[in-house]
Amino acid sequence: MTFPTLPTREGDRPHTGPEVPHLQLSQTGPAEARGELLEWMDAALPGTTWGRSKVSAPSSRALFLDGTAAAPGAVLMPPGGDEEFAHVHADGSLHLALDPADHAAFLSSGWGEKHPLYDHGINVVMLYAPRDQAELAVAKTVIGACYAYATGRAPLSDPAAL
């Protein structure tokens, strides 16, 4: 898969916790942006369902594949690694299972960082909380790439337009 080109994130990286639970501690997103992102994810990602994360804080909302298997070769979040591909924290940040081939491009863009367990073979990266509409559009693009990886479906053509 070819990861979309992302603009470089403006400003300093937010402070995050060094261990699990891995949360964003500064530059958190406004509640309105989180709500808008959750609504978009609900409408734009067919074949998914919301539930309680199997790996994150109880305040997180997780997105699961709804009764379909993950795409061949896709490694999603543990423990099963076959259905939870994203979760949204109360601070507005997300953890995503991205195609490992896309990690370098994503991480170098400044929009996120490795999960503390990343170097132990866990395919999870953090996407920082969107702080405004422009950042919300970038978040939708990254989430669209995550969805394409998890499902094997073509990337969303213009995720920000949905």
Foldseek 3Di string as FASTA:
>chain_A
DDADQDAADDDDAFDWDLAPVIGGDPPFADPVLLVVLVVLCVPPQPQKDWDQDPGHDRQKIWIWRNPDWWDVPQQAADDVRTITAKIAHPSQKMKGQADPVCVVSVVVSSQWACHSCVVVPGRIIIGGGDHDLVSSQVVQSRVQRRSCNGHVDDRDPRRSVD
